[in-house]
PDB file of N, CA and C in Angstrom:
ATOM      1  N   UNK A   1     -27.719  34.681  19.180  1.00  0.00           N
ATOM      2  CA  UNK A   1     -26.454  34.146  19.653  1.00  0.00           C
ATOM      3  C   UNK A   1     -25.454  35.277  19.812  1.00  0.00           C
ATOM      4  N   UNK A   2     -24.714  35.164  20.870  1.00  0.00           N
ATOM      5  CA  UNK A   2     -23.714  36.188  21.112  1.00  0.00           C
ATOM      6  C   UNK A   2     -22.415  35.824  20.406  1.00  0.00           C
ATOM      7  N   UNK A   3     -21.610  36.817  20.082  1.00  0.00           N
ATOM      8  CA  UNK A   3     -20.342  36.525  19.412  1.00  0.00           C
ATOM      9  C   UNK A   3     -19.414  35.697  20.297  1.00  0.00           C
ATOM     10  N   UNK A   4     -19.575  35.804  21.586  1.00  0.00           N
ATOM     11  CA  UNK A   4     -18.725  35.052  22.518  1.00  0.00           C
ATOM     12  C   UNK A   4     -18.984  33.554  22.395  1.00  0.00           C
ATOM     13  N   UNK A   5     -20.224  33.136  22.277  1.00  0.00           N
ATOM     14  CA  UNK A   5     -20.542  31.717  22.181  1.00  0.00           C
ATOM     15  C   UNK A   5     -19.986  31.135  20.880  1.00  0.00           C
ATOM     16  N   UNK A   6     -20.001  31.894  19.821  1.00  0.00           N
ATOM     17  CA  UNK A   6     -19.431  31.441  18.554  1.00  0.00           C
ATOM     18  C   UNK A   6     -17.920  31.230  18.701  1.00  0.00           C
ATOM     19  N   UNK A   7     -17.283  32.166  19.365  1.00  0.00           N
ATOM     20  CA  UNK A   7     -15.839  32.049  19.592  1.00  0.00           C
ATOM     21  C   UNK A   7     -15.531  30.849  20.489  1.00  0.00           C
ATOM     22  N   UNK A   8     -16.376  30.659  21.496  1.00  0.00           N
ATOM     23  CA  UNK A   8     -16.187  29.520  22.401  1.00  0.00           C
ATOM     24  C   UNK A   8     -16.342  28.197  21.654  1.00  0.00           C
ATOM     25  N   UNK A   9     -17.328  28.152  20.739  1.00  0.00           N
ATOM     26  CA  UNK A   9     -17.528  26.934  19.947  1.00  0.00           C
ATOM     27  C   UNK A   9     -16.305  26.653  19.086  1.00  0.00           C
ATOM     28  N   UNK A  10     -15.777  27.691  18.450  1.00  0.00           N
ATOM     29  CA  UNK A  10     -14.577  27.514  17.617  1.00  0.00           C
ATOM     30  C   UNK A  10     -13.401  27.026  18.455  1.00  0.00           C
ATOM     31  N   UNK A  11     -13.256  27.576  19.640  1.00  0.00           N
ATOM     32  CA  UNK A  11     -12.170  27.177  20.543  1.00  0.00           C
ATOM     33  C   UNK A  11     -12.355  25.723  20.980  1.00  0.00           C
ATOM     34  N   UNK A  12     -13.601  25.342  21.304  1.00  0.00           N
ATOM     35  CA  UNK A  12     -13.877  23.965  21.711  1.00  0.00           C
ATOM     36  C   UNK A  12     -13.584  23.000  20.559  1.00  0.00           C
ATOM     37  N   UNK A  13     -13.965  23.404  19.348  1.00  0.00           N
ATOM     38  CA  UNK A  13     -13.717  22.580  18.165  1.00  0.00           C
ATOM     39  C   UNK A  13     -12.215  22.411  17.939  1.00  0.00           C
ATOM     40  N   UNK A  14     -11.483  23.519  18.087  1.00  0.00           N
ATOM     41  CA  UNK A  14     -10.034  23.467  17.918  1.00  0.00           C
ATOM     42  C   UNK A  14      -9.394  22.546  18.953  1.00  0.00           C
ATOM     43  N   UNK A  15      -9.865  22.633  20.201  1.00  0.00           N
ATOM     44  CA  UNK A  15      -9.342  21.776  21.280  1.00  0.00           C
ATOM     45  C   UNK A  15      -9.610  20.306  20.982  1.00  0.00           C
ATOM     46  N   UNK A  16     -10.834  19.999  20.556  1.00  0.00           N
ATOM     47  CA  UNK A  16     -11.189  18.617  20.232  1.00  0.00           C
ATOM     48  C   UNK A  16     -10.300  18.082  19.112  1.00  0.00           C
ATOM     49  N   UNK A  17     -10.110  18.928  18.107  1.00  0.00           N
ATOM     50  CA  UNK A  17      -9.276  18.526  16.974  1.00  0.00           C
ATOM     51  C   UNK A  17      -7.839  18.244  17.439  1.00  0.00           C
ATOM     52  N   UNK A  18      -7.320  19.099  18.296  1.00  0.00           N
ATOM     53  CA  UNK A  18      -5.956  18.937  18.822  1.00  0.00           C
ATOM     54  C   UNK A  18      -5.856  17.665  19.670  1.00  0.00           C
ATOM     55  N   UNK A  19      -6.880  17.428  20.511  1.00  0.00           N
ATOM     56  CA  UNK A  19      -6.880  16.229  21.349  1.00  0.00           C
ATOM     57  C   UNK A  19      -6.933  14.964  20.497  1.00  0.00           C
ATOM     58  N   UNK A  20      -7.725  15.013  19.442  1.00  0.00           N
ATOM     59  CA  UNK A  20      -7.828  13.865  18.539  1.00  0.00           C
ATOM     60  C   UNK A  20      -6.473  13.603  17.876  1.00  0.00           C
ATOM     61  N   UNK A  21      -5.818  14.668  17.441  1.00  0.00           N
ATOM     62  CA  UNK A  21      -4.513  14.531  16.800  1.00  0.00           C
ATOM     63  C   UNK A  21      -3.507  13.921  17.786  1.00  0.00           C
ATOM     64  N   UNK A  22      -3.544  14.391  19.039  1.00  0.00           N
ATOM     65  CA  UNK A  22      -2.636  13.861  20.057  1.00  0.00           C
ATOM     66  C   UNK A  22      -2.909  12.379  20.336  1.00  0.00           C
ATOM     67  N   UNK A  23      -4.195  11.999  20.393  1.00  0.00           N
ATOM     68  CA  UNK A  23      -4.534  10.583  20.616  1.00  0.00           C
ATOM     69  C   UNK A  23      -4.015   9.715  19.479  1.00  0.00           C
ATOM     70  N   UNK A  24      -4.214  10.188  18.249  1.00  0.00           N
ATOM     71  CA  UNK A  24      -3.732   9.432  17.085  1.00  0.00           C
ATOM     72  C   UNK A  24      -2.218   9.288  17.114  1.00  0.00           C
ATOM     73  N   UNK A  25      -1.547  10.364  17.450  1.00  0.00           N
ATOM     74  CA  UNK A  25      -0.091  10.344  17.524  1.00  0.00           C
ATOM     75  C   UNK A  25       0.386   9.352  18.590  1.00  0.00           C
ATOM     76  N   UNK A  26      -0.295   9.345  19.732  1.00  0.00           N
ATOM     77  CA  UNK A  26       0.061   8.415  20.816  1.00  0.00           C
ATOM     78  C   UNK A  26      -0.163   6.962  20.384  1.00  0.00           C
ATOM     79  N   UNK A  27      -1.279   6.704  19.705  1.00  0.00           N
ATOM     80  CA  UNK A  27      -1.560   5.356  19.198  1.00  0.00           C
ATOM     81  C   UNK A  27      -0.462   4.909  18.237  1.00  0.00           C
ATOM     82  N   UNK A  28      -0.073   5.806  17.330  1.00  0.00           N
ATOM     83  CA  UNK A  28       0.968   5.491  16.356  1.00  0.00           C
ATOM     84  C   UNK A  28       2.282   5.180  17.064  1.00  0.00           C
ATOM     85  N   UNK A  29       2.616   5.994  18.065  1.00  0.00           N
ATOM     86  CA  UNK A  29       3.853   5.784  18.806  1.00  0.00           C
ATOM     87  C   UNK A  29       3.842   4.425  19.514  1.00  0.00           C
ATOM     88  N   UNK A  30       2.709   4.091  20.144  1.00  0.00           N
ATOM     89  CA  UNK A  30       2.595   2.793  20.833  1.00  0.00           C
ATOM     90  C   UNK A  30       2.696   1.643  19.846  1.00  0.00           C
ATOM     91  N   UNK A  31       2.035   1.786  18.698  1.00  0.00           N
ATOM     92  CA  UNK A  31       2.077   0.735  17.679  1.00  0.00           C
ATOM     93  C   UNK A  31       3.504   0.503  17.197  1.00  0.00           C
ATOM     94  N   UNK A  32       4.217   1.603  16.919  1.00  0.00           N
ATOM     95  CA  UNK A  32       5.608   1.483  16.484  1.00  0.00           C
ATOM     96  C   UNK A  32       6.472   0.822  17.554  1.00  0.00           C
ATOM     97  N   UNK A  33       6.224   1.155  18.807  1.00  0.00           N
ATOM     98  CA  UNK A  33       6.975   0.549  19.918  1.00  0.00           C
ATOM     99  C   UNK A  33       6.692  -0.955  20.005  1.00  0.00           C
ATOM    100  N   UNK A  34       5.418  -1.326  19.855  1.00  0.00           N
ATOM    101  CA  UNK A  34       5.055  -2.755  19.872  1.00  0.00           C
ATOM    102  C   UNK A  34       5.764  -3.498  18.752  1.00  0.00           C
ATOM    103  N   UNK A  35       5.737  -2.913  17.550  1.00  0.00           N
ATOM    104  CA  UNK A  35       6.390  -3.552  16.399  1.00  0.00           C
ATOM    105  C   UNK A  35       7.892  -3.688  16.630  1.00  0.00           C
ATOM    106  N   UNK A  36       8.495  -2.661  17.213  1.00  0.00           N
ATOM    107  CA  UNK A  36       9.932  -2.699  17.471  1.00  0.00           C
ATOM    108  C   UNK A  36      10.268  -3.817  18.467  1.00  0.00           C
ATOM    109  N   UNK A  37       9.475  -3.901  19.552  1.00  0.00           N
ATOM    110  CA  UNK A  37       9.729  -4.955  20.552  1.00  0.00           C
ATOM    111  C   UNK A  37       9.515  -6.338  19.953  1.00  0.00           C
ATOM    112  N   UNK A  38       8.469  -6.461  19.135  1.00  0.00           N
ATOM    113  CA  UNK A  38       8.181  -7.752  18.506  1.00  0.00           C
ATOM    114  C   UNK A  38       9.337  -8.152  17.588  1.00  0.00           C
ATOM    115  N   UNK A  39       9.846  -7.212  16.831  1.00  0.00           N
ATOM    116  CA  UNK A  39      10.972  -7.485  15.934  1.00  0.00           C
ATOM    117  C   UNK A  39      12.215  -7.860  16.727  1.00  0.00           C
ATOM    118  N   UNK A  40      12.436  -7.208  17.856  1.00  0.00           N
ATOM    119  CA  UNK A  40      13.591  -7.557  18.703  1.00  0.00           C
ATOM    120  C   UNK A  40      13.456  -8.979  19.222  1.00  0.00           C
ATOM    121  N   UNK A  41      12.257  -9.348  19.678  1.00  0.00           N
ATOM    122  CA  UNK A  41      12.043 -10.719  20.162  1.00  0.00           C
ATOM    123  C   UNK A  41      12.282 -11.717  19.045  1.00  0.00           C
ATOM    124  N   UNK A  42      11.760 -11.407  17.854  1.00  0.00           N
ATOM    125  CA  UNK A  42      11.923 -12.305  16.702  1.00  0.00           C
ATOM    126  C   UNK A  42      13.399 -12.476  16.369  1.00  0.00           C
ATOM    127  N   UNK A  43      14.139 -11.369  16.403  1.00  0.00           N
ATOM    128  CA  UNK A  43      15.568 -11.427  16.093  1.00  0.00           C
ATOM    129  C   UNK A  43      16.327 -12.238  17.136  1.00  0.00           C
ATOM    130  N   UNK A  44      15.979 -12.050  18.407  1.00  0.00           N
ATOM    131  CA  UNK A  44      16.689 -12.801  19.452  1.00  0.00           C
ATOM    132  C   UNK A  44      16.355 -14.286  19.373  1.00  0.00           C
ATOM    133  N   UNK A  45      15.113 -14.623  19.011  1.00  0.00           N
ATOM    134  CA  UNK A  45      14.749 -16.028  18.851  1.00  0.00           C
ATOM    135  C   UNK A  45      15.492 -16.632  17.673  1.00  0.00           C
ATOM    136  N   UNK A  46      15.584 -15.890  16.577  1.00  0.00           N
ATOM    137  CA  UNK A  46      16.297 -16.386  15.396  1.00  0.00           C
ATOM    138  C   UNK A  46      17.766 -16.609  15.730  1.00  0.00           C
ATOM    139  N   UNK A  47      18.332 -15.700  16.507  1.00  0.00           N
ATOM    140  CA  UNK A  47      19.732 -15.837  16.904  1.00  0.00           C
ATOM    141  C   UNK A  47      19.886 -17.068  17.797  1.00  0.00           C
ATOM    142  N   UNK A  48      18.921 -17.291  18.669  1.00  0.00           N
ATOM    143  CA  UNK A  48      18.962 -18.440  19.566  1.00  0.00           C
ATOM    144  C   UNK A  48      18.834 -19.754  18.817  1.00  0.00           C
ATOM    145  N   UNK A  49      18.027 -19.773  17.762  1.00  0.00           N
ATOM    146  CA  UNK A  49      17.857 -20.991  16.982  1.00  0.00           C
ATOM    147  C   UNK A  49      19.103 -21.300  16.162  1.00  0.00           C
ATOM    148  N   UNK A  50      19.817 -20.276  15.761  1.00  0.00           N
ATOM    149  CA  UNK A  50      21.004 -20.483  14.935  1.00  0.00           C
ATOM    150  C   UNK A  50      22.089 -21.221  15.708  1.00  0.00           C
ATOM    151  N   UNK A  51      22.135 -21.036  17.012  1.00  0.00           N
ATOM    152  CA  UNK A  51      23.151 -21.685  17.838  1.00  0.00           C
ATOM    153  C   UNK A  51      22.489 -22.844  18.567  1.00  0.00           C
ATOM    154  N   UNK A  52      22.814 -24.072  18.149  1.00  0.00           N
ATOM    155  CA  UNK A  52      22.266 -25.253  18.796  1.00  0.00           C
ATOM    156  C   UNK A  52      23.235 -25.676  19.876  1.00  0.00           C
ATOM    157  N   UNK A  53      22.749 -25.734  21.098  1.00  0.00           N
ATOM    158  CA  UNK A  53      23.637 -26.101  22.191  1.00  0.00           C
ATOM    159  C   UNK A  53      23.311 -27.500  22.661  1.00  0.00           C
ATOM    160  N   UNK A  54      24.313 -28.349  22.638  1.00  0.00           N
ATOM    161  CA  UNK A  54      24.189 -29.705  23.134  1.00  0.00           C
ATOM    162  C   UNK A  54      25.326 -29.914  24.108  1.00  0.00           C
ATOM    163  N   UNK A  55      25.006 -30.376  25.297  1.00  0.00           N
ATOM    164  CA  UNK A  55      26.070 -30.587  26.275  1.00  0.00           C
ATOM    165  C   UNK A  55      26.842 -31.833  25.892  1.00  0.00           C
ATOM    166  N   UNK A  56      28.166 -31.776  25.929  1.00  0.00           N
ATOM    167  CA  UNK A  56      28.960 -32.943  25.580  1.00  0.00           C
ATOM    168  C   UNK A  56      28.800 -34.010  26.649  1.00  0.00           C
ATOM    169  N   UNK A  57      29.034 -35.255  26.302  1.00  0.00           N
ATOM    170  CA  UNK A  57      28.916 -36.311  27.301  1.00  0.00           C
ATOM    171  C   UNK A  57      29.924 -36.106  28.426  1.00  0.00           C
ATOM    172  N   UNK A  58      29.557 -36.568  29.618  1.00  0.00           N
ATOM    173  CA  UNK A  58      30.431 -36.417  30.779  1.00  0.00           C
ATOM    174  C   UNK A  58      31.760 -37.124  30.526  1.00  0.00           C
ATOM    175  N   UNK A  59      32.818 -36.484  30.921  1.00  0.00           N
ATOM    176  CA  UNK A  59      34.150 -37.063  30.758  1.00  0.00           C
ATOM    177  C   UNK A  59      34.382 -38.069  31.879  1.00  0.00           C
ATOM    178  N   UNK A  60      34.928 -39.206  31.517  1.00  0.00           N
ATOM    179  CA  UNK A  60      35.167 -40.272  32.492  1.00  0.00           C
ATOM    180  C   UNK A  60      36.544 -40.085  33.108  1.00  0.00           C
ATOM    181  N   UNK A  61      36.597 -39.815  34.398  1.00  0.00           N
ATOM    182  CA  UNK A  61      37.866 -39.607  35.097  1.00  0.00           C
ATOM    183  C   UNK A  61      38.251 -40.834  35.926  1.00  0.00           C
ATOM    184  N   UNK A  62      37.868 -41.997  35.483  1.00  0.00           N
ATOM    185  CA  UNK A  62      38.126 -43.197  36.272  1.00  0.00           C
ATOM    186  C   UNK A  62      39.553 -43.710  36.113  1.00  0.00           C
ATOM    187  N   UNK A  63      40.405 -42.949  35.478  1.00  0.00           N
ATOM    188  CA  UNK A  63      41.798 -43.347  35.324  1.00  0.00           C
ATOM    189  C   UNK A  63      42.060 -44.007  33.979  1.00  0.00           C
ATOM    190  N   UNK A  64      41.029 -44.129  33.151  1.00  0.00           N
ATOM    191  CA  UNK A  64      41.234 -44.725  31.835  1.00  0.00           C
ATOM    192  C   UNK A  64      42.046 -43.772  30.977  1.00  0.00           C
ATOM    193  N   UNK A  65      42.880 -44.347  30.135  1.00  0.00           N
ATOM    194  CA  UNK A  65      43.748 -43.549  29.272  1.00  0.00           C
ATOM    195  C   UNK A  65      42.928 -42.956  28.136  1.00  0.00           C
ATOM    196  N   UNK A  66      42.949 -41.621  28.002  1.00  0.00           N
ATOM    197  CA  UNK A  66      42.235 -40.963  26.913  1.00  0.00           C
ATOM    198  C   UNK A  66      43.136 -40.903  25.692  1.00  0.00           C
ATOM    199  N   UNK A  67      42.834 -41.726  24.734  1.00  0.00           N
ATOM    200  CA  UNK A  67      43.638 -41.727  23.517  1.00  0.00           C
ATOM    201  C   UNK A  67      43.001 -40.782  22.508  1.00  0.00           C
ATOM    202  N   UNK A  68      43.715 -40.490  21.442  1.00  0.00           N
ATOM    203  CA  UNK A  68      43.187 -39.615  20.394  1.00  0.00           C
ATOM    204  C   UNK A  68      41.960 -40.224  19.737  1.00  0.00           C
ATOM    205  N   UNK A  69      41.938 -41.555  19.621  1.00  0.00           N
ATOM    206  CA  UNK A  69      40.780 -42.222  19.018  1.00  0.00           C
ATOM    207  C   UNK A  69      39.527 -41.969  19.855  1.00  0.00           C
ATOM    208  N   UNK A  70      39.687 -42.021  21.183  1.00  0.00           N
ATOM    209  CA  UNK A  70      38.567 -41.804  22.091  1.00  0.00           C
ATOM    210  C   UNK A  70      38.018 -40.382  21.926  1.00  0.00           C
ATOM    211  N   UNK A  71      38.907 -39.390  21.808  1.00  0.00           N
ATOM    212  CA  UNK A  71      38.483 -37.993  21.613  1.00  0.00           C
ATOM    213  C   UNK A  71      37.731 -37.859  20.293  1.00  0.00           C
ATOM    214  N   UNK A  72      38.243 -38.527  19.266  1.00  0.00           N
ATOM    215  CA  UNK A  72      37.605 -38.465  17.952  1.00  0.00           C
ATOM    216  C   UNK A  72      36.195 -39.046  18.038  1.00  0.00           C
ATOM    217  N   UNK A  73      36.040 -40.161  18.768  1.00  0.00           N
ATOM    218  CA  UNK A  73      34.726 -40.781  18.933  1.00  0.00           C
ATOM    219  C   UNK A  73      33.760 -39.824  19.632  1.00  0.00           C
ATOM    220  N   UNK A  74      34.247 -39.129  20.660  1.00  0.00           N
ATOM    221  CA  UNK A  74      33.390 -38.175  21.390  1.00  0.00           C
ATOM    222  C   UNK A  74      32.936 -37.050  20.467  1.00  0.00           C
ATOM    223  N   UNK A  75      33.855 -36.546  19.624  1.00  0.00           N
ATOM    224  CA  UNK A  75      33.496 -35.477  18.690  1.00  0.00           C
ATOM    225  C   UNK A  75      32.425 -35.962  17.719  1.00  0.00           C
ATOM    226  N   UNK A  76      32.571 -37.189  17.238  1.00  0.00           N
ATOM    227  CA  UNK A  76      31.587 -37.747  16.315  1.00  0.00           C
ATOM    228  C   UNK A  76      30.229 -37.886  17.020  1.00  0.00           C
ATOM    229  N   UNK A  77      30.255 -38.317  18.275  1.00  0.00           N
ATOM    230  CA  UNK A  77      29.016 -38.467  19.038  1.00  0.00           C
ATOM    231  C   UNK A  77      28.341 -37.114  19.202  1.00  0.00           C
ATOM    232  N   UNK A  78      29.146 -36.114  19.506  1.00  0.00           N
ATOM    233  CA  UNK A  78      28.614 -34.767  19.695  1.00  0.00           C
ATOM    234  C   UNK A  78      27.977 -34.265  18.395  1.00  0.00           C
ATOM    235  N   UNK A  79      28.673 -34.468  17.270  1.00  0.00           N
ATOM    236  CA  UNK A  79      28.125 -34.040  15.974  1.00  0.00           C
ATOM    237  C   UNK A  79      26.851 -34.803  15.661  1.00  0.00           C
ATOM    238  N   UNK A  80      26.848 -36.093  16.004  1.00  0.00           N
ATOM    239  CA  UNK A  80      25.656 -36.906  15.782  1.00  0.00           C
ATOM    240  C   UNK A  80      24.489 -36.403  16.607  1.00  0.00           C
ATOM    241  N   UNK A  81      24.757 -36.007  17.855  1.00  0.00           N
ATOM    242  CA  UNK A  81      23.691 -35.490  18.720  1.00  0.00           C
ATOM    243  C   UNK A  81      23.146 -34.176  18.167  1.00  0.00           C
ATOM    244  N   UNK A  82      24.034 -33.327  17.694  1.00  0.00           N
ATOM    245  CA  UNK A  82      23.599 -32.042  17.133  1.00  0.00           C
ATOM    246  C   UNK A  82      22.717 -32.287  15.917  1.00  0.00           C
ATOM    247  N   UNK A  83      23.154 -33.187  15.027  1.00  0.00           N
ATOM    248  CA  UNK A  83      22.353 -33.500  13.834  1.00  0.00           C
ATOM    249  C   UNK A  83      21.004 -34.079  14.239  1.00  0.00           C
ATOM    250  N   UNK A  84      21.008 -34.941  15.259  1.00  0.00           N
ATOM    251  CA  UNK A  84      19.771 -35.554  15.721  1.00  0.00           C
ATOM    252  C   UNK A  84      18.808 -34.490  16.250  1.00  0.00           C
ATOM    253  N   UNK A  85      19.325 -33.543  17.029  1.00  0.00           N
ATOM    254  CA  UNK A  85      18.498 -32.460  17.570  1.00  0.00           C
ATOM    255  C   UNK A  85      17.951 -31.606  16.432  1.00  0.00           C
ATOM    256  N   UNK A  86      18.813 -31.282  15.454  1.00  0.00           N
ATOM    257  CA  UNK A  86      18.365 -30.461  14.319  1.00  0.00           C
ATOM    258  C   UNK A  86      17.295 -31.196  13.517  1.00  0.00           C
ATOM    259  N   UNK A  87      17.495 -32.499  13.287  1.00  0.00           N
ATOM    260  CA  UNK A  87      16.504 -33.278  12.536  1.00  0.00           C
ATOM    261  C   UNK A  87      15.177 -33.333  13.284  1.00  0.00           C
ATOM    262  N   UNK A  88      15.243 -33.529  14.590  1.00  0.00           N
ATOM    263  CA  UNK A  88      14.036 -33.570  15.406  1.00  0.00           C
ATOM    264  C   UNK A  88      13.311 -32.222  15.368  1.00  0.00           C
ATOM    265  N   UNK A  89      14.084 -31.147  15.466  1.00  0.00           N
ATOM    266  CA  UNK A  89      13.495 -29.806  15.428  1.00  0.00           C
ATOM    267  C   UNK A  89      12.823 -29.563  14.078  1.00  0.00           C
ATOM    268  N   UNK A  90      13.491 -29.966  13.008  1.00  0.00           N
ATOM    269  CA  UNK A  90      12.931 -29.784  11.675  1.00  0.00           C
ATOM    270  C   UNK A  90      11.650 -30.605  11.522  1.00  0.00           C
ATOM    271  N   UNK A  91      11.658 -31.826  12.038  1.00  0.00           N
ATOM    272  CA  UNK A  91      10.484 -32.689  11.953  1.00  0.00           C
ATOM    273  C   UNK A  91       9.308 -32.060  12.715  1.00  0.00           C
ATOM    274  N   UNK A  92       9.599 -31.516  13.896  1.00  0.00           N
ATOM    275  CA  UNK A  92       8.548 -30.884  14.692  1.00  0.00           C
ATOM    276  C   UNK A  92       7.988 -29.644  14.001  1.00  0.00           C
ATOM    277  N   UNK A  93       8.859 -28.861  13.374  1.00  0.00           N
ATOM    278  CA  UNK A  93       8.393 -27.661  12.662  1.00  0.00           C
ATOM    279  C   UNK A  93       7.488 -28.047  11.500  1.00  0.00           C
ATOM    280  N   UNK A  94       7.859 -29.099  10.772  1.00  0.00           N
ATOM    281  CA  UNK A  94       7.045 -29.563   9.641  1.00  0.00           C
ATOM    282  C   UNK A  94       5.692 -30.047  10.147  1.00  0.00           C
ATOM    283  N   UNK A  95       5.713 -30.796  11.237  1.00  0.00           N
ATOM    284  CA  UNK A  95       4.474 -31.295  11.834  1.00  0.00           C
ATOM    285  C   UNK A  95       3.575 -30.135  12.272  1.00  0.00           C
ATOM    286  N   UNK A  96       4.169 -29.121  12.868  1.00  0.00           N
ATOM    287  CA  UNK A  96       3.406 -27.956  13.311  1.00  0.00           C
ATOM    288  C   UNK A  96       2.778 -27.230  12.125  1.00  0.00           C
ATOM    289  N   UNK A  97       3.548 -27.061  11.053  1.00  0.00           N
ATOM    290  CA  UNK A  97       2.998 -26.416   9.842  1.00  0.00           C
ATOM    291  C   UNK A  97       1.833 -27.221   9.278  1.00  0.00           C
ATOM    292  N   UNK A  98       2.007 -28.548   9.249  1.00  0.00           N
ATOM    293  CA  UNK A  98       0.967 -29.421   8.713  1.00  0.00           C
ATOM    294  C   UNK A  98      -0.314 -29.284   9.533  1.00  0.00           C
ATOM    295  N   UNK A  99      -0.184 -29.269  10.850  1.00  0.00           N
ATOM    296  CA  UNK A  99      -1.354 -29.130  11.717  1.00  0.00           C
ATOM    297  C   UNK A  99      -2.013 -27.766  11.545  1.00  0.00           C
ATOM    298  N   UNK A 100      -1.198 -26.724  11.368  1.00  0.00           N
ATOM    299  CA  UNK A 100      -1.749 -25.378  11.170  1.00  0.00           C
ATOM    300  C   UNK A 100      -2.553 -25.318   9.875  1.00  0.00           C
ATOM    301  N   UNK A 101      -2.007 -25.916   8.813  1.00  0.00           N
ATOM    302  CA  UNK A 101      -2.729 -25.942   7.538  1.00  0.00           C
ATOM    303  C   UNK A 101      -4.035 -26.726   7.678  1.00  0.00           C
ATOM    304  N   UNK A 102      -3.958 -27.849   8.369  1.00  0.00           N
ATOM    305  CA  UNK A 102      -5.140 -28.668   8.598  1.00  0.00           C
ATOM    306  C   UNK A 102      -6.217 -27.861   9.325  1.00  0.00           C
ATOM    307  N   UNK A 103      -5.803 -27.151  10.352  1.00  0.00           N
ATOM    308  CA  UNK A 103      -6.719 -26.334  11.140  1.00  0.00           C
ATOM    309  C   UNK A 103      -7.330 -25.228  10.274  1.00  0.00           C
ATOM    310  N   UNK A 104      -6.503 -24.608   9.464  1.00  0.00           N
ATOM    311  CA  UNK A 104      -6.972 -23.538   8.590  1.00  0.00           C
ATOM    312  C   UNK A 104      -8.003 -24.069   7.595  1.00  0.00           C
ATOM    313  N   UNK A 105      -7.711 -25.231   7.019  1.00  0.00           N
ATOM    314  CA  UNK A 105      -8.652 -25.838   6.062  1.00  0.00           C
ATOM    315  C   UNK A 105      -9.983 -26.166   6.749  1.00  0.00           C
ATOM    316  N   UNK A 106      -9.896 -26.668   7.970  1.00  0.00           N
ATOM    317  CA  UNK A 106     -11.103 -27.002   8.718  1.00  0.00           C
ATOM    318  C   UNK A 106     -11.918 -25.744   8.995  1.00  0.00           C
ATOM    319  N   UNK A 107     -11.247 -24.655   9.347  1.00  0.00           N
ATOM    320  CA  UNK A 107     -11.940 -23.390   9.600  1.00  0.00           C
ATOM    321  C   UNK A 107     -12.664 -22.919   8.358  1.00  0.00           C
ATOM    322  N   UNK A 108     -11.964 -23.001   7.205  1.00  0.00           N
ATOM    323  CA  UNK A 108     -12.558 -22.547   5.945  1.00  0.00           C
ATOM    324  C   UNK A 108     -13.768 -23.404   5.594  1.00  0.00           C
ATOM    325  N   UNK A 109     -13.665 -24.701   5.851  1.00  0.00           N
ATOM    326  CA  UNK A 109     -14.770 -25.599   5.539  1.00  0.00           C
ATOM    327  C   UNK A 109     -15.983 -25.276   6.403  1.00  0.00           C
ATOM    328  N   UNK A 110     -15.775 -24.930   7.639  1.00  0.00           N
ATOM    329  CA  UNK A 110     -16.885 -24.609   8.548  1.00  0.00           C
ATOM    330  C   UNK A 110     -17.537 -23.296   8.151  1.00  0.00           C
ATOM    331  N   UNK A 111     -16.742 -22.334   7.734  1.00  0.00           N
ATOM    332  CA  UNK A 111     -17.301 -21.012   7.420  1.00  0.00           C
ATOM    333  C   UNK A 111     -18.068 -20.984   6.110  1.00  0.00           C
ATOM    334  N   UNK A 112     -17.842 -21.947   5.216  1.00  0.00           N
ATOM    335  CA  UNK A 112     -18.572 -21.953   3.927  1.00  0.00           C
ATOM    336  C   UNK A 112     -19.767 -22.811   3.958  1.00  0.00           C
TER     337      UNK A 112
END
């Protein structure tokens, strides 16, 4: 063997090692970016869930006199609608969790 081939092998080994390090670094960078984007989506969804938007009932412009009692009734209706939406959302989340647990138990039963 010539000394040149030994040097070439060392150089090739060094290059491979450097390329491997660069690939690992790129993978890590992509993974961190994915996690960051996922966390941003999660945060924006959480922010969206915190604000429940319910459109108020249409205002009647037929010439009827809007008294303070009528406004109070509309506010109560709006609060009732918000509570109803929140209760429905909570019920759906509980149902979804229950189904997920059921599915998980079924999977475990099949695998054993």
